[in-house]
Amino acid sequence: MQYVCDALKGRTWFRIETDAEAENETRLMRHAVEKHFRREQERARQSYRPGPGLERDIGLKAHLVRTTPLFLTLRADDGEGLATAMLPAGGRKDEDFHTIIVGPENADPYVKHADAIKLLARHYGLSLTRERCYPYAQRS
């Protein structure tokens, strides 16, 4: 995982970068982030148009970084999973992208971690409101 930003009170945001990390996040948080991570990685791979010759896949890694949504995890200092987020590729504003932020077992992370989510929003310059990002807000 790659460090993204501090969230104060012993919490830190990290970027999930591999299938193994996504699998671990799914197990730890008891939700389906791995399925979404793999699907978005595959979608990005399918959109790649390689160059000619032997170096045809040289730009694949950069393409994946540019086009795959960001998958992030909020962790406590002891490694406890607190929230998982899926943001637009590169953390860039994209009104058509459905940003998702959930807690363990898809619980509402805003109850305990709204301040940490606000810091993540500030880090990327995005609006990460509960109404926009927590998919079950209408039911709660």
C-alpha atoms as a PDB file:
ATOM      1  CA  MET A   1       0.000   0.000   0.000  1.00  0.00           C
ATOM      2  CA  GLN A   2       1.063   3.539  -0.648  1.00  0.00           C
ATOM      3  CA  TYR A   3       0.761   6.334   1.900  1.00  0.00           C
ATOM      4  CA  VAL A   4      -1.737   9.023   0.836  1.00  0.00           C
ATOM      5  CA  CYS A   5      -2.262  11.360   3.800  1.00  0.00           C
ATOM      6  CA  ASP A   6      -2.641  11.550   7.546  1.00  0.00           C
ATOM      7  CA  ALA A   7      -6.142  11.658   8.976  1.00  0.00           C
ATOM      8  CA  LEU A   8      -5.247  12.628  12.562  1.00  0.00           C
ATOM      9  CA  LYS A   9      -6.236  10.798  15.759  1.00  0.00           C
ATOM     10  CA  GLY A  10      -3.977   7.856  14.879  1.00  0.00           C
ATOM     11  CA  ARG A  11      -5.494   7.276  11.419  1.00  0.00           C
ATOM     12  CA  THR A  12      -3.923   7.266   7.967  1.00  0.00           C
ATOM     13  CA  TRP A  13      -5.200   6.934   4.398  1.00  0.00           C
ATOM     14  CA  PHE A  14      -3.375   4.479   2.120  1.00  0.00           C
ATOM     15  CA  ARG A  15      -3.839   3.550  -1.536  1.00  0.00           C
ATOM     16  CA  ILE A  16      -4.591  -0.076  -2.345  1.00  0.00           C
ATOM     17  CA  GLU A  17      -2.324  -0.994  -5.272  1.00  0.00           C
ATOM     18  CA  THR A  18      -2.431  -4.777  -5.763  1.00  0.00           C
ATOM     19  CA  ASP A  19      -4.907  -7.634  -5.989  1.00  0.00           C
ATOM     20  CA  ALA A  20      -3.469  -9.058  -2.766  1.00  0.00           C
ATOM     21  CA  GLU A  21      -4.046  -5.768  -0.928  1.00  0.00           C
ATOM     22  CA  ALA A  22      -7.618  -5.604  -2.262  1.00  0.00           C
ATOM     23  CA  GLU A  23      -8.191  -9.210  -1.175  1.00  0.00           C
ATOM     24  CA  ASN A  24      -6.875  -8.386   2.296  1.00  0.00           C
ATOM     25  CA  GLU A  25      -9.123  -5.306   2.483  1.00  0.00           C
ATOM     26  CA  THR A  26     -12.141  -7.439   1.590  1.00  0.00           C
ATOM     27  CA  ARG A  27     -11.306  -9.914   4.336  1.00  0.00           C
ATOM     28  CA  LEU A  28     -10.531  -7.228   6.923  1.00  0.00           C
ATOM     29  CA  MET A  29     -13.531  -5.031   6.172  1.00  0.00           C
ATOM     30  CA  ARG A  30     -16.001  -7.785   5.252  1.00  0.00           C
ATOM     31  CA  HIS A  31     -17.204  -6.181   2.029  1.00  0.00           C
ATOM     32  CA  ALA A  32     -16.643  -6.579  -1.721  1.00  0.00           C
ATOM     33  CA  VAL A  33     -13.849  -4.110  -2.520  1.00  0.00           C
ATOM     34  CA  GLU A  34     -11.730  -6.848  -4.129  1.00  0.00           C
ATOM     35  CA  LYS A  35     -14.436  -7.533  -6.712  1.00  0.00           C
ATOM     36  CA  HIS A  36     -14.623  -3.831  -7.617  1.00  0.00           C
ATOM     37  CA  PHE A  37     -10.827  -3.433  -7.653  1.00  0.00           C
ATOM     38  CA  ARG A  38     -10.365  -6.356 -10.074  1.00  0.00           C
ATOM     39  CA  ARG A  39     -13.246  -5.209 -12.279  1.00  0.00           C
ATOM     40  CA  GLU A  40     -11.865  -1.673 -12.589  1.00  0.00           C
ATOM     41  CA  GLN A  41      -8.328  -2.958 -13.255  1.00  0.00           C
ATOM     42  CA  GLU A  42      -9.673  -5.168 -16.053  1.00  0.00           C
ATOM     43  CA  ARG A  43     -11.741  -2.324 -17.496  1.00  0.00           C
ATOM     44  CA  ALA A  44      -8.606  -0.142 -17.597  1.00  0.00           C
ATOM     45  CA  ARG A  45      -6.570  -2.946 -19.233  1.00  0.00           C
ATOM     46  CA  GLN A  46      -9.263  -3.358 -21.901  1.00  0.00           C
ATOM     47  CA  SER A  47      -9.126   0.355 -22.707  1.00  0.00           C
ATOM     48  CA  TYR A  48      -5.339   0.271 -23.273  1.00  0.00           C
ATOM     49  CA  ARG A  49      -4.175   0.640 -26.863  1.00  0.00           C
ATOM     50  CA  PRO A  50      -0.604  -0.683 -27.107  1.00  0.00           C
ATOM     51  CA  GLY A  51       2.027   0.749 -29.379  1.00  0.00           C
ATOM     52  CA  PRO A  52       3.683  -1.284 -32.142  1.00  0.00           C
ATOM     53  CA  GLY A  53       6.562  -3.738 -31.811  1.00  0.00           C
ATOM     54  CA  LEU A  54       8.369  -5.144 -28.803  1.00  0.00           C
ATOM     55  CA  GLU A  55       7.607  -2.186 -26.578  1.00  0.00           C
ATOM     56  CA  ARG A  56       3.862  -2.469 -27.112  1.00  0.00           C
ATOM     57  CA  ASP A  57       3.028  -2.840 -23.421  1.00  0.00           C
ATOM     58  CA  ILE A  58       5.588  -0.378 -22.066  1.00  0.00           C
ATOM     59  CA  GLY A  59       2.893   2.196 -21.337  1.00  0.00           C
ATOM     60  CA  LEU A  60       0.423  -0.222 -19.724  1.00  0.00           C
ATOM     61  CA  LYS A  61       1.403   0.509 -16.119  1.00  0.00           C
ATOM     62  CA  ALA A  62       1.152   4.278 -16.627  1.00  0.00           C
ATOM     63  CA  HIS A  63      -2.185   3.819 -18.401  1.00  0.00           C
ATOM     64  CA  LEU A  64      -3.548   1.793 -15.460  1.00  0.00           C
ATOM     65  CA  VAL A  65      -2.462   4.492 -13.001  1.00  0.00           C
ATOM     66  CA  ARG A  66      -4.115   7.212 -15.126  1.00  0.00           C
ATOM     67  CA  THR A  67      -7.392   5.422 -15.791  1.00  0.00           C
ATOM     68  CA  THR A  68      -8.141   3.131 -12.830  1.00  0.00           C
ATOM     69  CA  PRO A  69     -10.144   4.574  -9.936  1.00  0.00           C
ATOM     70  CA  LEU A  70      -8.259   5.056  -6.678  1.00  0.00           C
ATOM     71  CA  PHE A  71      -8.989   2.479  -4.020  1.00  0.00           C
ATOM     72  CA  LEU A  72      -8.096   3.729  -0.556  1.00  0.00           C
ATOM     73  CA  THR A  73      -8.219   2.400   2.975  1.00  0.00           C
ATOM     74  CA  LEU A  74      -8.369   4.319   6.222  1.00  0.00           C
ATOM     75  CA  ARG A  75      -6.358   2.506   8.872  1.00  0.00           C
ATOM     76  CA  ALA A  76      -5.801   3.009  12.572  1.00  0.00           C
ATOM     77  CA  ASP A  77      -2.220   2.956  13.859  1.00  0.00           C
ATOM     78  CA  ASP A  78      -2.711  -0.669  14.953  1.00  0.00           C
ATOM     79  CA  GLY A  79      -3.796  -1.672  11.411  1.00  0.00           C
ATOM     80  CA  GLU A  80      -7.516  -1.827  12.134  1.00  0.00           C
ATOM     81  CA  GLY A  81      -9.568  -1.166   8.990  1.00  0.00           C
ATOM     82  CA  LEU A  82     -11.860   1.835   9.442  1.00  0.00           C
ATOM     83  CA  ALA A  83     -13.118   2.755   5.957  1.00  0.00           C
ATOM     84  CA  THR A  84     -12.632   1.979   2.284  1.00  0.00           C
ATOM     85  CA  ALA A  85     -13.003   4.509  -0.523  1.00  0.00           C
ATOM     86  CA  MET A  86     -13.211   4.363  -4.309  1.00  0.00           C
ATOM     87  CA  LEU A  87     -12.429   7.744  -5.873  1.00  0.00           C
ATOM     88  CA  PRO A  88     -12.123   8.827  -9.523  1.00  0.00           C
ATOM     89  CA  ALA A  89      -8.883   7.996 -11.343  1.00  0.00           C
ATOM     90  CA  GLY A  90      -6.022  10.164 -10.181  1.00  0.00           C
ATOM     91  CA  GLY A  91      -8.266  11.674  -7.520  1.00  0.00           C
ATOM     92  CA  ARG A  92      -9.456  14.130 -10.180  1.00  0.00           C
ATOM     93  CA  LYS A  93     -12.927  15.655 -10.092  1.00  0.00           C
ATOM     94  CA  ASP A  94     -15.319  13.643 -12.273  1.00  0.00           C
ATOM     95  CA  GLU A  95     -19.017  14.431 -11.880  1.00  0.00           C
ATOM     96  CA  ASP A  96     -19.993  11.222 -13.705  1.00  0.00           C
ATOM     97  CA  PHE A  97     -17.992   8.956 -11.382  1.00  0.00           C
ATOM     98  CA  HIS A  98     -19.858   7.263  -8.544  1.00  0.00           C
ATOM     99  CA  THR A  99     -17.541   7.747  -5.547  1.00  0.00           C
ATOM    100  CA  ILE A 100     -18.083   5.217  -2.762  1.00  0.00           C
ATOM    101  CA  ILE A 101     -16.931   5.325   0.866  1.00  0.00           C
ATOM    102  CA  VAL A 102     -17.972   2.571   3.273  1.00  0.00           C
ATOM    103  CA  GLY A 103     -16.966   1.224   6.651  1.00  0.00           C
ATOM    104  CA  PRO A 104     -16.663  -2.393   7.820  1.00  0.00           C
ATOM    105  CA  GLU A 105     -19.545  -4.526   6.499  1.00  0.00           C
ATOM    106  CA  ASN A 106     -20.655  -1.510   4.430  1.00  0.00           C
ATOM    107  CA  ALA A 107     -21.514   0.462   7.573  1.00  0.00           C
ATOM    108  CA  ASP A 108     -21.662   4.255   7.493  1.00  0.00           C
ATOM    109  CA  PRO A 109     -18.069   5.524   7.951  1.00  0.00           C
ATOM    110  CA  TYR A 110     -19.212   9.118   8.407  1.00  0.00           C
ATOM    111  CA  VAL A 111     -20.499   8.406  11.912  1.00  0.00           C
ATOM    112  CA  LYS A 112     -16.998   7.968  13.358  1.00  0.00           C
ATOM    113  CA  HIS A 113     -14.687   9.175  10.595  1.00  0.00           C
ATOM    114  CA  ALA A 114     -16.288  12.223   8.949  1.00  0.00           C
ATOM    115  CA  ASP A 115     -13.237  14.290   9.949  1.00  0.00           C
ATOM    116  CA  ALA A 116     -10.859  11.798   8.286  1.00  0.00           C
ATOM    117  CA  ILE A 117     -12.997  11.775   5.131  1.00  0.00           C
ATOM    118  CA  LYS A 118     -12.962  15.580   5.130  1.00  0.00           C
ATOM    119  CA  LEU A 119      -9.143  15.518   5.217  1.00  0.00           C
ATOM    120  CA  LEU A 120      -9.101  13.064   2.296  1.00  0.00           C
ATOM    121  CA  ALA A 121     -11.458  15.365   0.394  1.00  0.00           C
ATOM    122  CA  ARG A 122      -9.154  18.308   1.062  1.00  0.00           C
ATOM    123  CA  HIS A 123      -6.115  16.258  -0.043  1.00  0.00           C
ATOM    124  CA  TYR A 124      -7.657  15.587  -3.468  1.00  0.00           C
ATOM    125  CA  GLY A 125      -9.742  18.756  -3.778  1.00  0.00           C
ATOM    126  CA  LEU A 126     -12.972  16.755  -3.992  1.00  0.00           C
ATOM    127  CA  SER A 127     -16.375  16.946  -2.369  1.00  0.00           C
ATOM    128  CA  LEU A 128     -16.848  13.705  -0.429  1.00  0.00           C
ATOM    129  CA  THR A 129     -20.174  14.284   1.281  1.00  0.00           C
ATOM    130  CA  ARG A 130     -22.089  11.457   2.907  1.00  0.00           C
ATOM    131  CA  GLU A 131     -25.058  12.029   0.579  1.00  0.00           C
ATOM    132  CA  ARG A 132     -22.860  11.670  -2.489  1.00  0.00           C
ATOM    133  CA  CYS A 133     -20.460   8.922  -1.361  1.00  0.00           C
ATOM    134  CA  TYR A 134     -22.198   6.614   1.084  1.00  0.00           C
ATOM    135  CA  PRO A 135     -24.404   4.403  -1.128  1.00  0.00           C
ATOM    136  CA  TYR A 136     -26.761   3.385   1.674  1.00  0.00           C
ATOM    137  CA  ALA A 137     -27.430   6.911   2.983  1.00  0.00           C
ATOM    138  CA  GLN A 138     -30.962   6.918   1.545  1.00  0.00           C
ATOM    139  CA  ARG A 139     -31.871   3.865   3.618  1.00  0.00           C
ATOM    140  CA  SER A 140     -30.334   4.982   6.927  1.00  0.00           C
END
